[in-house]
Amino acid sequence: MAKAYWISAYQSVTDQAALAAYAQLAGPALTAAGGRFLARGVPAAVKEQGLAARTVLIEFDSLQAALAAYDSPGYQEALAALGTQAAVRDIRIIEGV
């Protein structure tokens, strides 16, 4: 079974307090769901059309585990803490090769 990767790419953050509240809940929720944080922070280099903004890479044992982590009650609680106005970002869940 192929591993899966969750990539969170932030475009902007306007509420650092909401992001901090989200992170306190999201980290434990995703770890409990089997996620392993591989990288997080601002990129060391940005090429082509990329943005020098926060990026997070999390590995899961399977695509199903990554999808289930997003839908888990713990992660949904984290999303509620983040709200809809604190950050502009997208989350991509991709299966490994």
N, C-alpha and C. Protein backbone atom coordinates (compact mmCIF):
# COMPACT_ATOMS: atom_id res chain seq x y z
N MET A 1 0.84 -1.17 0.00
CA MET A 1 0.00 0.00 0.00
C MET A 1 0.89 1.25 0.00
N ALA A 2 0.59 2.18 -0.87
CA ALA A 2 1.38 3.40 -0.98
C ALA A 2 1.09 4.36 0.17
N LYS A 3 2.11 5.04 0.61
CA LYS A 3 1.94 6.08 1.62
C LYS A 3 1.22 7.26 0.97
N ALA A 4 0.73 8.16 1.80
CA ALA A 4 0.07 9.36 1.30
C ALA A 4 0.66 10.57 2.02
N TYR A 5 0.58 11.69 1.37
CA TYR A 5 1.18 12.92 1.89
C TYR A 5 0.15 14.03 1.89
N TRP A 6 0.14 14.75 2.97
CA TRP A 6 -0.76 15.87 3.16
C TRP A 6 0.12 17.11 3.06
N ILE A 7 -0.18 17.98 2.13
CA ILE A 7 0.59 19.20 1.92
C ILE A 7 -0.33 20.38 2.18
N SER A 8 0.00 21.17 3.19
CA SER A 8 -0.74 22.39 3.48
C SER A 8 0.09 23.56 2.98
N ALA A 9 -0.45 24.30 2.04
CA ALA A 9 0.26 25.44 1.47
C ALA A 9 -0.51 26.71 1.82
N TYR A 10 0.09 27.54 2.65
CA TYR A 10 -0.53 28.79 3.07
C TYR A 10 -0.20 29.88 2.07
N GLN A 11 -1.19 30.70 1.76
CA GLN A 11 -0.95 31.88 0.92
C GLN A 11 -0.78 33.11 1.80
N SER A 12 -1.57 33.15 2.89
CA SER A 12 -1.44 34.26 3.84
C SER A 12 -2.06 33.86 5.17
N VAL A 13 -1.60 34.53 6.22
CA VAL A 13 -2.16 34.35 7.56
C VAL A 13 -2.46 35.74 8.09
N THR A 14 -3.70 35.96 8.51
CA THR A 14 -4.09 37.28 9.02
C THR A 14 -4.39 37.26 10.51
N ASP A 15 -4.48 36.07 11.11
CA ASP A 15 -4.78 35.97 12.54
C ASP A 15 -3.85 34.93 13.16
N GLN A 16 -2.73 35.41 13.69
CA GLN A 16 -1.74 34.52 14.27
C GLN A 16 -2.27 33.78 15.50
N ALA A 17 -3.14 34.42 16.28
CA ALA A 17 -3.70 33.77 17.46
C ALA A 17 -4.57 32.59 17.07
N ALA A 18 -5.38 32.75 16.03
CA ALA A 18 -6.23 31.64 15.56
C ALA A 18 -5.36 30.52 15.00
N LEU A 19 -4.29 30.87 14.30
CA LEU A 19 -3.38 29.85 13.77
C LEU A 19 -2.72 29.08 14.90
N ALA A 20 -2.34 29.77 15.96
CA ALA A 20 -1.72 29.10 17.11
C ALA A 20 -2.72 28.16 17.79
N ALA A 21 -3.97 28.59 17.92
CA ALA A 21 -5.01 27.74 18.53
C ALA A 21 -5.25 26.51 17.66
N TYR A 22 -5.28 26.70 16.35
CA TYR A 22 -5.43 25.59 15.41
C TYR A 22 -4.26 24.61 15.56
N ALA A 23 -3.05 25.12 15.59
CA ALA A 23 -1.86 24.27 15.66
C ALA A 23 -1.83 23.43 16.93
N GLN A 24 -2.27 24.01 18.05
CA GLN A 24 -2.30 23.26 19.32
C GLN A 24 -3.22 22.06 19.23
N LEU A 25 -4.31 22.18 18.47
CA LEU A 25 -5.26 21.08 18.33
C LEU A 25 -4.92 20.17 17.15
N ALA A 26 -4.48 20.75 16.04
CA ALA A 26 -4.25 19.99 14.82
C ALA A 26 -3.07 19.03 14.96
N GLY A 27 -1.99 19.47 15.55
CA GLY A 27 -0.81 18.60 15.69
C GLY A 27 -1.14 17.29 16.38
N PRO A 28 -1.69 17.33 17.59
CA PRO A 28 -2.04 16.09 18.28
C PRO A 28 -3.10 15.27 17.54
N ALA A 29 -4.07 15.93 16.92
CA ALA A 29 -5.12 15.20 16.20
C ALA A 29 -4.55 14.44 15.02
N LEU A 30 -3.65 15.07 14.28
CA LEU A 30 -3.08 14.42 13.10
C LEU A 30 -2.08 13.34 13.49
N THR A 31 -1.33 13.57 14.56
CA THR A 31 -0.42 12.54 15.05
C THR A 31 -1.20 11.33 15.54
N ALA A 32 -2.30 11.57 16.26
CA ALA A 32 -3.15 10.47 16.74
C ALA A 32 -3.75 9.68 15.59
N ALA A 33 -3.94 10.34 14.44
CA ALA A 33 -4.50 9.68 13.26
C ALA A 33 -3.42 8.98 12.43
N GLY A 34 -2.19 8.95 12.95
CA GLY A 34 -1.11 8.25 12.26
C GLY A 34 -0.22 9.14 11.42
N GLY A 35 -0.43 10.45 11.46
CA GLY A 35 0.39 11.36 10.67
C GLY A 35 1.76 11.58 11.29
N ARG A 36 2.76 11.74 10.43
CA ARG A 36 4.12 12.05 10.85
C ARG A 36 4.54 13.34 10.16
N PHE A 37 4.82 14.37 10.94
CA PHE A 37 5.22 15.65 10.38
C PHE A 37 6.64 15.52 9.82
N LEU A 38 6.79 15.76 8.53
CA LEU A 38 8.09 15.66 7.87
C LEU A 38 8.75 17.02 7.71
N ALA A 39 7.93 18.06 7.51
CA ALA A 39 8.47 19.41 7.33
C ALA A 39 7.37 20.41 7.63
N ARG A 40 7.78 21.54 8.20
CA ARG A 40 6.84 22.65 8.38
C ARG A 40 7.63 23.93 8.58
N GLY A 41 7.12 24.99 8.00
CA GLY A 41 7.77 26.29 8.12
C GLY A 41 7.76 27.01 6.79
N VAL A 42 8.54 28.06 6.72
CA VAL A 42 8.68 28.85 5.50
C VAL A 42 9.75 28.20 4.63
N PRO A 43 9.51 28.05 3.33
CA PRO A 43 10.49 27.39 2.46
C PRO A 43 11.87 28.07 2.50
N ALA A 44 12.91 27.26 2.39
CA ALA A 44 14.27 27.79 2.32
C ALA A 44 14.51 28.45 0.96
N ALA A 45 13.82 27.98 -0.07
CA ALA A 45 13.93 28.56 -1.41
C ALA A 45 12.58 28.41 -2.09
N VAL A 46 12.24 29.37 -2.92
CA VAL A 46 10.99 29.34 -3.67
C VAL A 46 11.34 29.53 -5.14
N LYS A 47 10.84 28.65 -5.99
CA LYS A 47 11.14 28.70 -7.41
C LYS A 47 9.86 28.89 -8.21
N GLU A 48 10.02 29.35 -9.42
CA GLU A 48 8.93 29.55 -10.37
C GLU A 48 7.85 30.43 -9.76
N GLN A 49 6.62 29.99 -9.66
CA GLN A 49 5.52 30.84 -9.18
C GLN A 49 5.21 30.63 -7.71
N GLY A 50 6.09 29.98 -6.96
CA GLY A 50 5.85 29.67 -5.56
C GLY A 50 5.80 30.90 -4.66
N LEU A 51 5.24 30.70 -3.48
CA LEU A 51 5.15 31.75 -2.48
C LEU A 51 6.04 31.40 -1.29
N ALA A 52 6.68 32.38 -0.74
CA ALA A 52 7.50 32.17 0.46
C ALA A 52 6.57 32.24 1.67
N ALA A 53 5.75 31.22 1.82
CA ALA A 53 4.76 31.18 2.89
C ALA A 53 4.79 29.81 3.56
N ARG A 54 4.23 29.74 4.73
CA ARG A 54 4.22 28.51 5.54
C ARG A 54 3.74 27.32 4.71
N THR A 55 4.46 26.22 4.83
CA THR A 55 4.12 24.96 4.17
C THR A 55 4.31 23.84 5.18
N VAL A 56 3.39 22.87 5.16
CA VAL A 56 3.47 21.74 6.09
C VAL A 56 3.35 20.45 5.28
N LEU A 57 4.22 19.48 5.55
CA LEU A 57 4.20 18.18 4.88
C LEU A 57 4.06 17.09 5.94
N ILE A 58 2.99 16.29 5.79
CA ILE A 58 2.71 15.21 6.75
C ILE A 58 2.58 13.90 5.98
N GLU A 59 3.19 12.85 6.49
CA GLU A 59 3.13 11.52 5.87
C GLU A 59 2.14 10.64 6.63
N PHE A 60 1.35 9.87 5.87
CA PHE A 60 0.43 8.88 6.43
C PHE A 60 0.73 7.54 5.78
N ASP A 61 0.36 6.47 6.44
CA ASP A 61 0.61 5.13 5.91
C ASP A 61 -0.21 4.79 4.67
N SER A 62 -1.33 5.51 4.47
CA SER A 62 -2.18 5.23 3.32
C SER A 62 -3.03 6.45 2.98
N LEU A 63 -3.58 6.45 1.79
CA LEU A 63 -4.49 7.50 1.38
C LEU A 63 -5.71 7.52 2.29
N GLN A 64 -6.22 6.35 2.62
CA GLN A 64 -7.40 6.26 3.49
C GLN A 64 -7.12 6.89 4.85
N ALA A 65 -5.93 6.65 5.39
CA ALA A 65 -5.58 7.23 6.70
C ALA A 65 -5.50 8.75 6.62
N ALA A 66 -4.95 9.28 5.54
CA ALA A 66 -4.85 10.73 5.38
C ALA A 66 -6.23 11.36 5.25
N LEU A 67 -7.10 10.74 4.49
CA LEU A 67 -8.46 11.27 4.33
C LEU A 67 -9.24 11.18 5.64
N ALA A 68 -9.08 10.08 6.34
CA ALA A 68 -9.76 9.91 7.62
C ALA A 68 -9.26 10.93 8.65
N ALA A 69 -7.99 11.26 8.61
CA ALA A 69 -7.43 12.25 9.53
C ALA A 69 -8.11 13.60 9.34
N TYR A 70 -8.33 13.98 8.10
CA TYR A 70 -8.99 15.26 7.81
C TYR A 70 -10.40 15.27 8.38
N ASP A 71 -11.11 14.16 8.25
CA ASP A 71 -12.49 14.07 8.69
C ASP A 71 -12.65 13.76 10.17
N SER A 72 -11.55 13.51 10.88
CA SER A 72 -11.62 13.11 12.29
C SER A 72 -12.19 14.24 13.15
N PRO A 73 -12.86 13.87 14.24
CA PRO A 73 -13.40 14.90 15.14
C PRO A 73 -12.32 15.85 15.68
N GLY A 74 -11.15 15.31 16.01
CA GLY A 74 -10.08 16.16 16.53
C GLY A 74 -9.62 17.20 15.53
N TYR A 75 -9.48 16.79 14.26
CA TYR A 75 -9.04 17.76 13.27
C TYR A 75 -10.16 18.76 12.95
N GLN A 76 -11.39 18.30 12.96
CA GLN A 76 -12.51 19.22 12.72
C GLN A 76 -12.60 20.27 13.82
N GLU A 77 -12.26 19.89 15.06
CA GLU A 77 -12.19 20.85 16.16
C GLU A 77 -11.09 21.88 15.89
N ALA A 78 -9.96 21.42 15.38
CA ALA A 78 -8.87 22.34 15.03
C ALA A 78 -9.30 23.31 13.95
N LEU A 79 -10.00 22.82 12.94
CA LEU A 79 -10.49 23.70 11.87
C LEU A 79 -11.44 24.76 12.42
N ALA A 80 -12.28 24.37 13.37
CA ALA A 80 -13.20 25.33 13.97
C ALA A 80 -12.42 26.43 14.70
N ALA A 81 -11.33 26.06 15.37
CA ALA A 81 -10.49 27.04 16.06
C ALA A 81 -9.82 27.99 15.07
N LEU A 82 -9.45 27.48 13.90
CA LEU A 82 -8.83 28.32 12.87
C LEU A 82 -9.83 29.30 12.30
N GLY A 83 -11.07 28.84 12.13
CA GLY A 83 -12.09 29.71 11.53
C GLY A 83 -11.91 29.84 10.03
N THR A 84 -12.69 30.71 9.44
CA THR A 84 -12.67 30.85 7.98
C THR A 84 -11.94 32.10 7.50
N GLN A 85 -11.55 32.96 8.42
CA GLN A 85 -10.93 34.23 8.02
C GLN A 85 -9.46 34.36 8.43
N ALA A 86 -8.93 33.42 9.20
CA ALA A 86 -7.58 33.56 9.76
C ALA A 86 -6.47 33.29 8.77
N ALA A 87 -6.73 32.46 7.77
CA ALA A 87 -5.67 32.08 6.82
C ALA A 87 -6.29 31.72 5.48
N VAL A 88 -5.52 32.00 4.44
CA VAL A 88 -5.85 31.52 3.10
C VAL A 88 -4.84 30.42 2.81
N ARG A 89 -5.33 29.20 2.56
CA ARG A 89 -4.44 28.07 2.33
C ARG A 89 -5.18 27.01 1.55
N ASP A 90 -4.44 26.05 1.08
CA ASP A 90 -5.07 24.87 0.52
C ASP A 90 -4.35 23.65 1.05
N ILE A 91 -5.10 22.57 1.16
CA ILE A 91 -4.55 21.31 1.61
C ILE A 91 -4.67 20.34 0.47
N ARG A 92 -3.58 19.71 0.13
CA ARG A 92 -3.55 18.70 -0.94
C ARG A 92 -3.15 17.38 -0.32
N ILE A 93 -3.94 16.35 -0.61
CA ILE A 93 -3.63 15.00 -0.13
C ILE A 93 -3.32 14.18 -1.36
N ILE A 94 -2.10 13.64 -1.40
CA ILE A 94 -1.63 12.96 -2.60
C ILE A 94 -1.04 11.59 -2.22
N GLU A 95 -1.32 10.61 -3.04
CA GLU A 95 -0.79 9.28 -2.79
C GLU A 95 0.63 9.18 -3.32
N GLY A 96 1.48 8.52 -2.56
CA GLY A 96 2.87 8.32 -2.97
C GLY A 96 2.98 7.31 -4.10
N VAL A 97 4.13 7.29 -4.74
CA VAL A 97 4.37 6.35 -5.84
C VAL A 97 5.18 5.16 -5.36
